[in-house]
């Protein structure tokens, strides 16, 4: 039934697209969040392989981190990947944390399928604006539509590694990547 389907969607940290051409960049990263200084909102995600990724906490996740999470442990973070203007360096905005153990036990065992949230999974949806076949790199432009009518459409770009079997430029793509 549709009720079960909706419940299943809420069991996954990355919901299905709300529109066939919804632009987005969201993913999952397992690591330990370490404060960069005095500010709780500024920090670094330290991954198991030792990689450090600059991170900021957004919205509701701030009080969650402050009041409920053990920052000495690894967590599966729900993040928006970003690159700063004129830089290729990746940083992330943390928008949530996914703790599978909070699900009821019988649901946990039934979610051991391809829908199970995986560390390193990202949903990137946008327009390819550049592709270099030899370097196997593509640049994807992701639009951020304004919340108010008075604001302009913003966008950012992400560089991805990979190959295409067809000409990718000026087409909308729905990437499921690691």
Protein backbone atom coordinates (compact mmCIF):
# COMPACT_ATOMS: atom_id res chain seq x y z
CA UNK A 1 0.00 0.00 0.00
CA UNK A 2 1.05 3.62 -0.36
CA UNK A 3 1.28 4.03 3.42
CA UNK A 4 4.00 1.39 3.61
CA UNK A 5 5.83 3.00 0.67
CA UNK A 6 5.79 6.40 2.38
CA UNK A 7 7.06 4.85 5.61
CA UNK A 8 9.87 3.13 3.69
CA UNK A 9 10.89 6.47 2.13
CA UNK A 10 11.19 8.00 5.59
CA UNK A 11 13.46 5.11 6.59
CA UNK A 12 16.07 6.29 4.10
CA UNK A 13 18.06 9.50 4.68
CA UNK A 14 17.99 10.47 0.98
CA UNK A 15 14.41 10.76 -0.25
CA UNK A 16 13.44 10.09 -3.86
CA UNK A 17 13.46 13.22 -6.06
CA UNK A 18 10.39 15.39 -5.57
CA UNK A 19 10.32 16.28 -9.28
CA UNK A 20 11.72 14.57 -12.42
CA UNK A 21 14.11 17.51 -12.94
CA UNK A 22 14.89 18.25 -9.31
CA UNK A 23 18.46 19.51 -8.99
CA UNK A 24 20.34 18.32 -5.93
CA UNK A 25 23.58 17.11 -4.40
CA UNK A 26 23.17 15.04 -1.24
CA UNK A 27 25.03 12.09 0.18
CA UNK A 28 26.21 10.02 3.11
CA UNK A 29 29.62 10.10 4.75
CA UNK A 30 30.71 8.03 7.77
CA UNK A 31 33.19 9.75 9.99
CA UNK A 32 33.91 11.56 13.19
CA UNK A 33 33.01 15.26 13.47
CA UNK A 34 35.73 17.31 15.10
CA UNK A 35 35.32 20.98 16.01
CA UNK A 36 37.75 23.33 14.28
CA UNK A 37 37.77 25.76 17.18
CA UNK A 38 35.29 27.20 19.65
CA UNK A 39 32.39 27.22 17.19
CA UNK A 40 30.28 24.04 17.19
CA UNK A 41 29.09 24.78 13.64
CA UNK A 42 32.60 24.76 12.11
CA UNK A 43 34.51 21.51 11.94
CA UNK A 44 36.09 18.66 10.06
CA UNK A 45 34.79 15.22 9.16
CA UNK A 46 37.53 12.65 9.72
CA UNK A 47 36.94 9.51 7.67
CA UNK A 48 38.17 5.99 8.46
CA UNK A 49 40.91 6.26 5.81
CA UNK A 50 42.23 9.45 7.44
CA UNK A 51 40.72 11.86 4.87
CA UNK A 52 39.72 15.21 6.37
CA UNK A 53 36.81 17.13 4.85
CA UNK A 54 35.95 20.67 5.93
CA UNK A 55 32.39 20.69 7.32
CA UNK A 56 29.74 23.00 8.72
CA UNK A 57 26.63 22.05 10.69
CA UNK A 58 23.29 23.39 9.42
CA UNK A 59 19.91 23.87 11.08
CA UNK A 60 18.39 21.21 13.31
CA UNK A 61 21.52 19.07 13.36
CA UNK A 62 23.25 21.67 15.58
CA UNK A 63 21.10 20.88 18.65
CA UNK A 64 21.26 17.16 17.84
CA UNK A 65 25.07 17.29 17.92
CA UNK A 66 25.08 19.51 21.00
CA UNK A 67 22.64 17.42 23.06
CA UNK A 68 22.53 13.84 21.79
CA UNK A 69 25.58 12.71 19.83
CA UNK A 70 28.85 11.30 21.13
CA UNK A 71 31.41 13.11 18.98
CA UNK A 72 34.05 10.54 19.92
CA UNK A 73 32.20 8.01 17.74
CA UNK A 74 31.79 7.71 13.98
CA UNK A 75 28.34 8.58 12.62
CA UNK A 76 26.74 8.34 9.20
CA UNK A 77 26.23 12.00 8.29
CA UNK A 78 23.76 13.28 5.70
CA UNK A 79 25.63 15.97 3.80
CA UNK A 80 25.38 18.45 0.96
CA UNK A 81 28.71 18.31 -0.96
CA UNK A 82 29.96 21.67 -2.17
CA UNK A 83 32.96 23.21 -3.85
CA UNK A 84 33.82 26.82 -3.19
CA UNK A 85 33.85 29.28 -6.08
CA UNK A 86 37.11 29.00 -8.05
CA UNK A 87 38.29 26.06 -5.92
CA UNK A 88 38.11 22.35 -6.54
CA UNK A 89 38.41 21.50 -2.84
CA UNK A 90 35.38 19.61 -1.54
CA UNK A 91 33.62 20.66 1.64
CA UNK A 92 30.32 19.53 3.09
CA UNK A 93 27.32 21.02 4.84
CA UNK A 94 25.98 18.56 7.42
CA UNK A 95 22.18 18.48 7.45
CA UNK A 96 21.54 15.32 9.44
CA UNK A 97 22.79 12.12 10.94
CA UNK A 98 21.50 8.64 10.15
CA UNK A 99 21.51 6.16 13.02
CA UNK A 100 20.08 2.85 11.74
CA UNK A 101 19.91 1.46 15.28
CA UNK A 102 17.05 3.86 15.99
CA UNK A 103 14.83 1.85 13.63
CA UNK A 104 12.75 -0.95 15.09
CA UNK A 105 14.63 -4.27 14.97
CA UNK A 106 12.27 -6.03 12.56
CA UNK A 107 12.49 -3.13 10.09
CA UNK A 108 16.27 -3.03 10.33
CA UNK A 109 16.59 -6.64 9.24
CA UNK A 110 14.23 -6.07 6.30
CA UNK A 111 16.21 -3.05 5.06
CA UNK A 112 19.35 -5.05 4.35
CA UNK A 113 18.72 -4.50 0.63
CA UNK A 114 20.06 -2.13 -1.99
CA UNK A 115 18.00 0.60 -0.27
CA UNK A 116 20.20 0.37 2.83
CA UNK A 117 22.04 3.66 3.36
CA UNK A 118 25.66 3.23 2.39
CA UNK A 119 28.67 5.28 3.38
CA UNK A 120 29.86 7.20 0.34
CA UNK A 121 26.57 7.10 -1.62
CA UNK A 122 25.59 10.39 -3.29
CA UNK A 123 22.64 11.51 -5.38
CA UNK A 124 23.83 14.24 -7.76
CA UNK A 125 21.23 15.67 -10.14
CA UNK A 126 22.10 18.47 -12.51
CA UNK A 127 23.28 19.63 -15.92
CA UNK A 128 26.68 18.58 -17.25
CA UNK A 129 28.37 21.76 -18.48
CA UNK A 130 31.86 20.39 -19.17
CA UNK A 131 33.31 16.98 -20.02
CA UNK A 132 36.90 15.90 -20.71
CA UNK A 133 36.99 12.37 -22.14
CA UNK A 134 40.77 11.97 -21.68
CA UNK A 135 40.77 13.16 -18.06
CA UNK A 136 37.47 11.35 -17.40
CA UNK A 137 36.07 14.38 -15.58
CA UNK A 138 32.75 16.15 -15.82
CA UNK A 139 31.50 19.33 -14.20
CA UNK A 140 27.88 19.30 -13.10
CA UNK A 141 25.96 22.52 -12.49
CA UNK A 142 23.38 22.27 -9.71
CA UNK A 143 20.77 25.00 -9.45
CA UNK A 144 19.44 26.13 -6.09
CA UNK A 145 16.03 27.66 -6.57
CA UNK A 146 15.25 30.65 -4.34
CA UNK A 147 12.96 30.37 -1.35
CA UNK A 148 11.62 33.88 -2.00
CA UNK A 149 10.51 35.33 -5.34
CA UNK A 150 12.78 38.35 -4.85
CA UNK A 151 15.93 36.18 -4.79
CA UNK A 152 17.86 35.02 -7.84
CA UNK A 153 18.53 31.40 -8.76
CA UNK A 154 21.91 30.37 -7.34
CA UNK A 155 24.03 27.48 -8.50
CA UNK A 156 27.21 25.66 -7.69
CA UNK A 157 29.38 23.18 -9.58
CA UNK A 158 30.76 19.78 -8.66
CA UNK A 159 33.53 17.96 -10.49
CA UNK A 160 32.92 14.23 -10.96
CA UNK A 161 35.21 11.44 -12.21
CA UNK A 162 33.82 8.99 -14.74
CA UNK A 163 33.01 8.25 -18.37
CA UNK A 164 29.94 8.63 -20.56
CA UNK A 165 28.78 6.47 -23.43
CA UNK A 166 27.19 9.48 -25.13
CA UNK A 167 27.69 13.24 -25.34
CA UNK A 168 26.78 14.48 -21.86
CA UNK A 169 27.00 18.26 -22.23
CA UNK A 170 23.84 20.37 -21.86
CA UNK A 171 21.80 17.40 -20.64
CA UNK A 172 20.20 16.87 -17.23
CA UNK A 173 21.63 13.82 -15.44
CA UNK A 174 20.60 11.81 -12.38
CA UNK A 175 23.84 10.40 -10.97
CA UNK A 176 23.98 7.77 -8.23
CA UNK A 177 27.64 7.76 -7.30
CA UNK A 178 30.25 6.82 -4.73
